[in-house]
Protein backbone atom coordinates (compact mmCIF):
# COMPACT_ATOMS: atom_id res chain seq x y z
CA MET A 1 16.42 2.79 49.15
CA ALA A 2 16.34 3.45 45.41
CA ALA A 3 17.94 6.67 44.28
CA THR A 4 15.78 9.33 42.67
CA TYR A 5 17.04 11.84 40.17
CA CYS A 6 15.83 15.20 38.99
CA TYR A 7 17.01 16.64 35.69
CA GLN A 8 17.30 20.33 34.99
CA TYR A 9 17.14 19.76 31.23
CA PRO A 10 13.95 19.50 29.16
CA ARG A 11 13.16 15.95 28.06
CA PRO A 12 11.61 15.32 24.64
CA ALA A 13 8.83 12.82 24.08
CA VAL A 14 9.65 9.62 22.18
CA THR A 15 7.35 7.95 19.68
CA VAL A 16 7.55 4.90 17.42
CA ASP A 17 6.36 4.67 13.81
CA PHE A 18 5.94 1.41 11.91
CA VAL A 19 5.87 1.11 8.10
CA VAL A 20 4.34 -2.15 6.86
CA PHE A 21 4.65 -3.08 3.17
CA THR A 22 2.98 -5.77 1.11
CA LEU A 23 2.90 -6.73 -2.57
CA ILE A 24 -0.47 -7.29 -4.27
CA GLY A 25 0.08 -8.52 -7.81
CA GLU A 26 2.35 -5.91 -9.36
CA THR A 27 1.54 -3.23 -6.80
CA LEU A 28 3.52 -2.34 -3.70
CA LYS A 29 1.21 -1.20 -0.90
CA VAL A 30 1.67 0.30 2.55
CA LEU A 31 -0.53 0.28 5.64
CA LEU A 32 -1.76 3.73 6.72
CA ILE A 33 -4.16 5.09 9.32
CA LYS A 34 -6.35 8.19 9.27
CA ARG A 35 -5.79 10.31 12.36
CA LYS A 36 -8.85 10.85 14.53
CA HIS A 37 -7.50 13.74 16.63
CA ASP A 38 -5.37 16.84 16.21
CA PRO A 39 -2.72 17.52 15.29
CA PHE A 40 -3.41 16.56 11.66
CA ALA A 41 -6.91 15.21 12.35
CA GLY A 42 -8.25 13.65 9.15
CA SER A 43 -4.80 13.22 7.63
CA TRP A 44 -3.29 9.87 6.74
CA ALA A 45 -0.24 8.73 8.68
CA ILE A 46 2.04 5.82 9.41
CA PRO A 47 0.80 3.78 12.40
CA GLY A 48 2.57 4.75 15.61
CA GLY A 49 2.41 6.51 18.93
CA PHE A 50 4.13 7.34 22.17
CA LEU A 51 6.61 5.03 23.88
CA GLU A 52 5.60 4.20 27.43
CA ILE A 53 8.15 4.89 30.15
CA ASP A 54 9.00 1.25 31.00
CA GLU A 55 8.23 -0.30 27.62
CA PRO A 56 10.75 -2.04 25.33
CA ILE A 57 10.86 -0.25 21.99
CA GLU A 58 9.90 -3.20 19.78
CA THR A 59 7.02 -3.99 22.13
CA ALA A 60 5.77 -0.44 21.59
CA VAL A 61 6.06 -0.84 17.81
CA ARG A 62 3.83 -3.93 17.80
CA ARG A 63 1.45 -2.52 20.42
CA GLU A 64 0.82 0.70 18.51
CA LEU A 65 0.26 -1.22 15.28
CA HIS A 66 -2.35 -3.40 16.96
CA GLU A 67 -4.04 -0.53 18.79
CA GLU A 68 -4.45 1.56 15.64
CA THR A 69 -5.07 -1.09 12.95
CA THR A 70 -6.15 -4.24 14.92
CA LEU A 71 -3.27 -6.06 13.17
CA ASP A 72 -1.51 -8.44 15.59
CA TYR A 73 2.03 -8.74 14.22
CA GLN A 74 4.72 -10.72 16.05
CA GLY A 75 7.31 -11.03 13.27
CA PRO A 76 10.65 -9.26 12.83
CA VAL A 77 10.92 -5.47 12.67
CA ALA A 78 13.81 -3.49 11.17
CA PRO A 79 14.97 -0.08 12.42
CA ILE A 80 15.09 2.42 9.57
CA GLY A 81 15.97 5.70 11.23
CA VAL A 82 15.52 8.31 13.92
CA PHE A 83 13.48 11.41 13.11
CA GLY A 84 13.79 14.30 15.51
CA ALA A 85 13.86 17.64 13.71
CA PRO A 86 12.61 20.48 15.93
CA GLY A 87 9.08 21.41 14.93
CA ARG A 88 8.16 18.05 13.38
CA ASP A 89 5.38 17.72 15.98
CA PRO A 90 3.39 20.85 16.90
CA ARG A 91 2.70 19.40 20.36
CA GLY A 92 6.35 19.79 21.36
CA ARG A 93 9.79 18.29 20.85
CA THR A 94 9.21 14.69 19.81
CA ILE A 95 11.72 12.14 18.54
CA SER A 96 10.43 9.18 16.54
CA LEU A 97 12.09 5.79 16.24
CA ALA A 98 10.98 4.37 12.89
CA TYR A 99 10.74 0.70 11.95
CA ALA A 100 9.59 -1.29 8.93
CA THR A 101 8.60 -4.79 7.90
CA VAL A 102 6.84 -6.69 5.10
CA LEU A 103 3.82 -9.01 5.04
CA ARG A 104 2.94 -11.61 2.42
CA PRO A 105 -0.65 -12.12 1.27
CA PRO A 106 -3.22 -13.21 2.18
CA LEU A 107 -3.49 -10.21 4.44
CA PRO A 108 -5.49 -10.11 7.67
CA GLU A 109 -8.28 -7.57 7.90
CA VAL A 110 -7.39 -4.18 9.34
CA GLY A 111 -9.55 -1.42 10.73
CA GLY A 112 -9.14 1.89 12.48
CA ALA A 113 -9.10 1.69 16.27
CA ASP A 114 -7.98 3.70 19.30
CA ASP A 115 -7.00 7.14 17.93
CA ALA A 116 -7.18 6.03 14.28
CA ALA A 117 -10.47 6.70 12.48
CA GLU A 118 -9.61 4.35 9.59
CA ALA A 119 -6.87 1.97 8.47
CA GLY A 120 -6.16 0.54 5.04
CA TRP A 121 -3.66 -0.55 2.42
CA PHE A 122 -2.64 2.10 -0.11
CA GLU A 123 -0.60 1.96 -3.27
CA LEU A 124 2.84 3.40 -2.66
CA GLY A 125 3.03 6.82 -4.24
CA ALA A 126 -0.70 7.51 -3.95
CA ALA A 127 -1.35 11.23 -3.69
CA LEU A 128 -2.01 11.24 0.06
CA PRO A 129 -0.48 14.08 2.07
CA LEU A 130 0.92 12.47 5.20
CA ALA A 131 0.96 13.91 8.71
CA PHE A 132 4.06 15.15 10.53
CA ASP A 133 7.25 14.25 8.59
CA HIS A 134 5.89 10.86 7.55
CA ASP A 135 6.80 11.47 3.90
CA ALA A 136 10.46 11.43 4.99
CA ILE A 137 9.91 8.29 7.07
CA MET A 138 8.27 6.64 4.08
CA GLU A 139 11.27 7.49 1.89
CA ALA A 140 13.60 5.90 4.45
CA ALA A 141 11.38 2.83 4.63
CA LEU A 142 11.38 2.43 0.87
CA ALA A 143 15.17 2.75 0.77
CA TRP A 144 15.36 -0.01 3.40
CA LEU A 145 12.97 -2.18 1.39
CA ARG A 146 15.02 -1.81 -1.80
CA ARG A 147 18.15 -2.89 0.05
CA ASP A 148 16.61 -5.67 2.08
CA VAL A 149 14.77 -7.30 -0.81
CA VAL A 150 18.09 -7.72 -2.62
CA GLU A 151 20.45 -8.30 0.30
CA GLY A 152 18.35 -9.44 3.26
CA GLN A 153 15.17 -11.29 4.18
CA ALA A 154 12.43 -9.00 2.85
CA GLY A 155 12.29 -10.52 -0.63
CA LEU A 156 11.31 -13.97 0.56
CA ALA A 157 9.17 -12.56 3.35
CA ILE A 158 6.97 -10.54 0.97
CA LEU A 159 6.61 -13.20 -1.74
CA PRO A 160 4.29 -16.20 -1.31
CA LEU A 161 5.93 -19.30 0.16
CA GLU A 162 5.63 -20.80 -3.33
CA PHE A 163 6.18 -18.38 -6.18
CA ALA A 164 6.95 -18.19 -9.88
CA ASP A 165 9.44 -16.17 -11.91
CA PRO A 166 6.80 -13.56 -12.92
CA GLU A 167 6.15 -12.80 -9.25
CA VAL A 168 9.85 -12.17 -8.68
CA GLN A 169 9.84 -9.87 -11.70
CA ASN A 170 6.81 -8.02 -10.30
CA LEU A 171 8.54 -7.50 -6.96
CA PHE A 172 11.71 -6.15 -8.51
CA ARG A 173 9.82 -3.81 -10.82
CA ALA A 174 7.82 -2.55 -7.82
CA ILE A 175 11.03 -1.51 -6.05
CA GLY A 176 12.53 0.05 -9.18
CA LYS A 177 14.84 -2.80 -10.22
CA ASN A 178 15.05 -4.50 -13.61
CA GLY A 179 14.40 -8.05 -14.75
CA ARG A 180 18.09 -8.89 -14.88
CA SER A 181 18.37 -8.07 -11.16
CA ALA A 182 15.37 -10.30 -10.44
CA THR A 183 16.92 -13.26 -12.29
CA ALA A 184 20.27 -12.78 -10.57
CA TRP A 185 18.54 -12.69 -7.17
CA ARG A 186 16.59 -15.88 -7.87
CA ASN A 187 19.74 -17.69 -9.09
CA ARG A 188 21.69 -16.59 -6.00
CA LEU A 189 18.98 -17.91 -3.67
CA LEU A 190 19.03 -21.23 -5.52
CA ARG A 191 22.81 -21.47 -5.06
CA GLU A 192 22.50 -20.56 -1.37
CA GLU A 193 19.73 -23.18 -1.00
CA ARG A 194 17.30 -20.62 0.41
CA ILE A 195 14.77 -21.67 -2.22
CA ARG A 196 14.28 -24.88 -4.18
CA PRO A 197 12.52 -25.68 -7.47
CA VAL A 198 9.03 -27.14 -7.18
CA PRO A 199 9.09 -30.63 -8.75
CA ARG A 200 7.38 -30.89 -12.13
CA ARG A 201 6.50 -27.19 -12.10
CA LYS A 202 9.02 -25.37 -14.24
CA GLY A 203 9.75 -21.82 -13.20
CA ARG A 204 8.23 -22.23 -9.73
CA TYR A 205 10.13 -22.19 -6.46
CA ARG A 206 9.46 -22.72 -2.77
CA SER A 207 11.05 -20.79 0.04
CA ILE A 208 12.97 -22.87 2.55
CA GLU A 209 12.87 -19.98 5.00
CA LYS A 210 9.76 -19.25 7.04
């Protein structure tokens, strides 16, 4: 017979939030939803929701993204922080596990669904007051992006599979880096054989990674 346990301590709710970035031309954009219900009805927010009791966390991240934006994403997700300050959710003590990723264009269509009235791509830094403590989550996501573009997989994952030097420059400017950093990054990836020059197309490269 399986054991049952009762706990005398209050148990907080757990949610997941998922920040999705893309680069359109020179502009870094993020996927947001407009909340349909209180709290913060009518406010823009990062896609997310409550973790189900028997659900793996990354499954919840992808499920909530799909339920609120119709975007079916099965790629990698990166943890960017835990947000659990008392009072961050007026419904009660709620701890959020935040994740981030990047998508390269062309982008699939998105639309508000479930408890999201709308969904769309917004320029990073647009004057949109976000629900809950999502401004802080966004700051953490941007810090992750700046690191992972330079040191990890996000740079190649957000650029087209075939790209030119100006597109690398655009990406690095979008994350607050200079042209010298962009050139150094491209040269390092060439040495590491993560990209290769496109024959007969000077200044163009193709990612070897998927």
